[in-house]
Protein backbone atom coordinates (compact mmCIF):
# COMPACT_ATOMS: atom_id res chain seq x y z
CA MET A 1 10.96 -1.07 1.29
CA ILE A 2 8.85 -2.48 4.56
CA ASN A 3 11.34 -0.58 7.31
CA LEU A 4 9.71 2.18 5.00
CA LEU A 5 6.25 1.55 5.34
CA ILE A 6 7.37 1.73 9.18
CA LYS A 7 8.46 4.41 10.03
CA PHE A 8 4.97 5.75 8.10
CA CYS A 9 2.92 4.01 9.91
CA GLU A 10 5.02 4.96 13.39
CA ASN A 11 4.63 8.82 12.22
CA ASN A 12 1.08 8.66 12.28
CA ASN A 13 0.61 7.82 15.73
CA PHE A 14 0.52 2.97 15.08
CA ILE A 15 2.39 0.89 17.27
CA VAL A 16 4.57 -1.34 15.21
CA ASN A 17 5.44 -4.84 17.16
CA GLU A 18 7.31 -7.54 15.27
CA ILE A 19 5.95 -10.64 14.96
CA ILE A 20 7.87 -13.94 15.51
CA ILE A 21 6.15 -17.15 13.47
CA ASP A 22 7.69 -20.22 14.09
CA ASN A 23 9.02 -21.75 10.28
CA PHE A 24 6.67 -18.37 8.80
CA ASN A 25 9.53 -17.31 5.65
CA TYR A 26 7.82 -13.64 5.87
CA SER A 27 9.59 -9.82 7.61
CA LEU A 28 6.14 -9.20 9.44
CA PHE A 29 5.03 -6.90 11.68
CA LEU A 30 2.09 -5.42 12.88
CA ALA A 31 1.42 -1.53 13.17
CA SER A 32 -1.81 -1.30 15.93
CA PRO A 33 -3.79 2.14 17.03
CA HIS A 34 -2.40 3.15 19.92
CA THR A 35 -5.14 2.91 23.23
CA GLY A 36 -8.09 4.66 23.32
CA SER A 37 -7.16 5.96 19.66
CA THR A 38 -10.64 6.92 17.96
CA ASN A 39 -8.60 4.77 15.03
CA GLN A 40 -9.12 1.29 14.62
CA GLU A 41 -7.59 0.34 12.13
CA TYR A 42 -4.51 -2.42 12.15
CA PHE A 43 -2.20 -3.14 9.43
CA LEU A 44 -0.11 -6.16 8.87
CA ILE A 45 3.01 -5.61 7.00
CA LEU A 46 5.05 -8.79 5.32
CA GLU A 47 8.11 -8.80 3.17
CA SER A 48 9.29 -11.49 1.78
CA PRO A 49 13.02 -12.93 0.16
CA ASP A 50 11.49 -15.69 -1.58
CA MET A 51 8.53 -14.27 -3.67
CA ASN A 52 6.30 -15.69 -6.48
CA ASP A 53 3.10 -17.02 -7.63
CA GLU A 54 3.08 -20.19 -6.26
CA VAL A 55 4.48 -18.65 -2.65
CA ILE A 56 2.05 -15.14 -2.60
CA SER A 57 -1.36 -18.11 -3.80
CA ASN A 58 -0.40 -19.87 -0.32
CA LEU A 59 0.09 -16.94 1.64
CA GLU A 60 -3.56 -15.43 0.27
CA THR A 61 -5.43 -18.72 1.79
CA LYS A 62 -3.59 -21.26 4.05
CA GLY A 63 -0.16 -18.26 5.09
CA SER A 64 -3.17 -15.47 5.97
CA GLU A 65 -4.25 -18.52 7.93
CA ILE A 66 -1.68 -19.25 9.82
CA ILE A 67 -1.10 -15.23 10.69
CA PHE A 68 -4.57 -14.76 12.11
CA GLU A 69 -4.79 -17.62 14.69
CA HIS A 70 -1.35 -16.06 15.65
CA ILE A 71 -2.63 -13.08 16.58
CA GLU A 72 -5.46 -14.33 18.46
CA LYS A 73 -4.17 -16.48 20.50
CA ASN A 74 -0.91 -14.29 21.41
CA ILE A 75 -1.54 -10.83 20.98
CA ASP A 76 -3.70 -8.17 22.84
CA VAL A 77 -5.91 -7.25 19.83
CA ASP A 78 -9.60 -5.72 20.35
CA GLU A 79 -12.73 -7.13 18.39
CA SER A 80 -11.72 -4.34 15.65
CA PHE A 81 -9.00 -6.47 14.22
CA LYS A 82 -11.27 -9.35 12.34
CA LYS A 83 -12.95 -6.98 10.48
CA ASN A 84 -11.08 -3.82 10.43
CA CYS A 85 -7.14 -5.23 9.11
CA THR A 86 -5.24 -4.62 5.99
CA LEU A 87 -2.14 -6.95 5.02
CA LEU A 88 0.41 -4.61 3.18
CA LEU A 89 2.63 -7.54 1.06
CA CYS A 90 5.43 -5.38 -0.16
CA CYS A 91 7.30 -6.84 -3.37
CA LEU A 92 9.79 -6.29 -6.34
CA ASP A 93 8.47 -5.71 -9.47
CA GLY A 94 8.60 -9.15 -11.52
CA LEU A 95 8.84 -11.23 -8.77
CA ILE A 96 4.30 -11.87 -9.51
CA SER A 97 2.34 -12.11 -11.99
CA GLU A 98 -0.37 -9.42 -12.05
CA ARG A 99 -3.21 -12.29 -12.18
CA GLU A 100 -1.70 -13.10 -9.92
CA ARG A 101 -1.52 -9.91 -7.16
CA LEU A 102 -5.57 -9.16 -8.35
CA LYS A 103 -6.19 -12.36 -7.37
CA PHE A 104 -4.28 -12.04 -3.67
CA GLU A 105 -5.81 -8.37 -3.61
CA GLU A 106 -9.53 -9.95 -4.80
CA SER A 107 -9.66 -12.66 -1.93
CA PRO A 108 -11.90 -11.41 1.14
CA TYR A 109 -10.21 -14.17 3.88
CA TYR A 110 -9.02 -12.93 7.48
CA PHE A 111 -7.40 -9.62 5.70
CA LYS A 112 -8.24 -6.99 3.10
CA LYS A 113 -5.19 -7.44 0.95
CA ASN A 114 -2.78 -4.12 -0.82
CA VAL A 115 0.29 -5.19 -2.43
CA ILE A 116 2.83 -2.34 -2.63
CA HIS A 117 5.50 -3.21 -5.79
CA TYR A 118 7.91 -1.14 -6.20
CA SER A 119 11.94 -1.69 -8.34
CA ASP A 120 15.44 -1.18 -7.08
CA ASN A 121 15.48 1.93 -8.30
CA GLU A 122 12.71 3.66 -7.13
CA ILE A 123 13.13 2.60 -3.60
CA ASN A 124 16.64 3.66 -3.31
CA SER A 125 15.47 7.09 -4.35
CA LEU A 126 12.15 7.12 -2.26
CA ILE A 127 14.62 6.70 1.07
CA GLU A 128 17.07 9.05 -0.12
CA GLU A 129 14.50 11.84 -0.79
CA ILE A 130 12.19 11.33 2.60
CA GLY A 131 15.23 11.40 4.85
CA SER A 132 13.88 11.33 8.20
CA ASP A 133 10.76 13.24 7.23
CA PHE A 134 8.18 11.14 7.41
CA SER A 135 5.02 13.32 7.24
CA ASN A 136 2.41 14.02 4.89
CA ALA A 137 3.49 17.41 4.32
CA LYS A 138 6.61 16.03 3.32
CA VAL A 139 4.36 13.95 0.57
CA ASN A 140 2.97 16.21 -0.47
CA GLU A 141 5.91 18.39 -0.85
CA LEU A 142 7.96 15.90 -2.36
CA LEU A 143 4.34 15.30 -5.21
CA LEU A 144 4.82 19.10 -5.80
CA ALA A 145 8.10 19.27 -6.22
CA GLY A 146 9.64 22.17 -8.13
CA SER A 147 5.87 23.56 -8.41
CA GLY A 148 3.93 20.84 -9.99
CA GLN A 149 7.50 19.87 -13.01
CA SER A 150 7.48 16.64 -11.38
CA PHE A 151 3.91 15.80 -12.09
CA GLU A 152 4.41 17.04 -15.54
CA LEU A 153 7.97 15.03 -16.37
CA PHE A 154 5.37 12.32 -14.29
CA LYS A 155 2.51 13.57 -16.86
CA SER A 156 4.49 12.39 -19.68
CA ASN A 157 6.63 9.45 -18.94
CA SER A 158 10.02 11.48 -19.22
CA ALA A 159 12.85 9.97 -18.04
CA GLN A 160 14.10 12.75 -16.62
CA LEU A 161 11.47 11.79 -13.73
CA GLN A 162 13.28 11.38 -10.11
CA PRO A 163 12.16 7.50 -9.57
CA TYR A 164 11.27 8.00 -6.93
CA TYR A 165 7.65 9.24 -7.98
CA PRO A 166 6.00 6.46 -9.32
CA LEU A 167 6.11 4.52 -6.10
CA LEU A 168 5.12 7.81 -3.49
CA MET A 169 2.36 7.95 -6.26
CA ARG A 170 0.76 4.63 -5.78
CA MET A 171 1.35 4.48 -1.59
CA THR A 172 -1.40 6.89 -2.05
CA THR A 173 -3.44 3.96 -3.23
CA LYS A 174 -2.32 1.56 -0.84
CA LEU A 175 -2.53 3.51 2.58
CA PRO A 176 -4.96 5.37 4.12
CA PHE A 177 -2.93 7.51 6.60
CA ILE A 178 -1.14 8.60 3.14
CA HIS A 179 -2.75 11.71 1.76
CA TYR A 180 -3.17 13.58 -1.71
CA ILE A 181 -3.71 17.05 -1.38
CA PRO A 182 -3.51 17.89 -5.42
CA SER A 183 -3.18 22.21 -5.80
CA SER A 184 -5.18 23.14 -8.74
CA ASN A 185 -3.07 25.67 -9.53
CA GLN A 186 0.10 23.14 -10.61
CA LEU A 187 -1.37 19.53 -11.14
CA GLY A 188 -5.12 20.19 -13.23
CA SER A 189 -7.66 17.18 -12.24
CA ILE A 190 -6.99 14.50 -10.51
CA GLU A 191 -9.19 13.32 -13.14
CA SER A 192 -7.24 13.65 -15.94
CA PHE A 193 -3.34 12.17 -13.89
CA VAL A 194 -5.47 9.09 -12.72
CA ASP A 195 -6.95 8.77 -16.16
CA GLU A 196 -2.98 9.01 -17.77
CA HIS A 197 -0.62 7.22 -15.45
CA LEU A 198 -2.07 4.55 -12.61
CA GLU A 199 -2.02 0.25 -13.06
CA ALA A 200 -5.49 0.39 -14.41
CA THR A 201 -6.80 -1.06 -10.06
CA GLU A 202 -4.67 1.75 -9.12
CA LEU A 203 -6.36 4.95 -11.04
CA GLU A 204 -9.81 4.04 -10.14
CA LEU A 205 -9.10 3.53 -6.16
CA LEU A 206 -7.53 6.35 -6.02
CA ASP A 207 -10.14 7.77 -8.64
CA LEU A 208 -12.82 6.81 -5.81
CA ILE A 209 -11.05 8.14 -3.20
CA CYS A 210 -10.67 11.57 -4.08
CA ARG A 211 -13.72 11.74 -5.38
CA GLU A 212 -15.97 10.17 -1.61
CA PRO A 213 -14.93 7.32 0.52
CA LEU A 214 -14.11 4.06 -0.26
CA SER A 215 -15.57 1.09 1.88
CA GLU A 216 -14.75 -2.66 1.66
CA SER A 217 -17.38 -3.18 -0.23
CA SER A 218 -16.57 -0.73 -3.19
CA MET A 219 -12.82 -1.93 -3.57
CA ASN A 220 -13.83 -5.38 -3.50
CA GLU A 221 -15.91 -5.13 -6.48
CA LEU A 222 -13.10 -2.54 -7.87
CA ILE A 223 -10.86 -5.65 -7.48
CA ARG A 224 -13.33 -8.12 -8.32
CA LYS A 225 -13.96 -6.33 -11.93
CA GLU A 226 -10.04 -5.99 -12.26
CA PHE A 227 -9.13 -9.51 -12.11
CA LEU A 228 -11.67 -11.15 -14.38
CA SER A 229 -11.09 -8.23 -17.22
CA ASN A 230 -7.31 -10.05 -17.47
CA GLU A 231 -8.15 -13.79 -17.35
């Protein structure tokens, strides 16, 4: 999964470099905007082979502090890094609880945080479908596959749906540079889709993305409300 996100970042004009921190058991990459780019957003992409509730809880606080301080001391980043960096944690399905995921995404310390969860079947299917084309045009081609038939299968939770589809939709809610462009003729209203087929936090995020620009405060409020509702 982490390699797939790196490819999407590179395709969207980010410079991606690996970060190595002693005694830190993560694959860790920093996606930085090109020099002179009007985009000043950074992305930290992480994956761990030992992910569980205890590990993600540690990453939320101590782990994030270690990463932040290492980058500040050792990597040339501008002032926007402190306020405009999103941590993307790749996580295989079933390794962490929903409660810990929401707690992690709600945490305001050091970075904005998103978890992109996936199954082996989903990621293998998406890699096969994407091939070497990581453009938004390809993303939308896959989302609109079969003149909207894939979407209809998704709405009905059909077993005939290609495994890549739910993962690709989740990615559109987490990665602002992957754009979902709905076709009213083929897919109907986006509100109907999100109401029925994404997880609670994901459907609200996608709904706001489609309606208006999503601010940091509105994202935090969405995650906070969902976390409290599951306590």
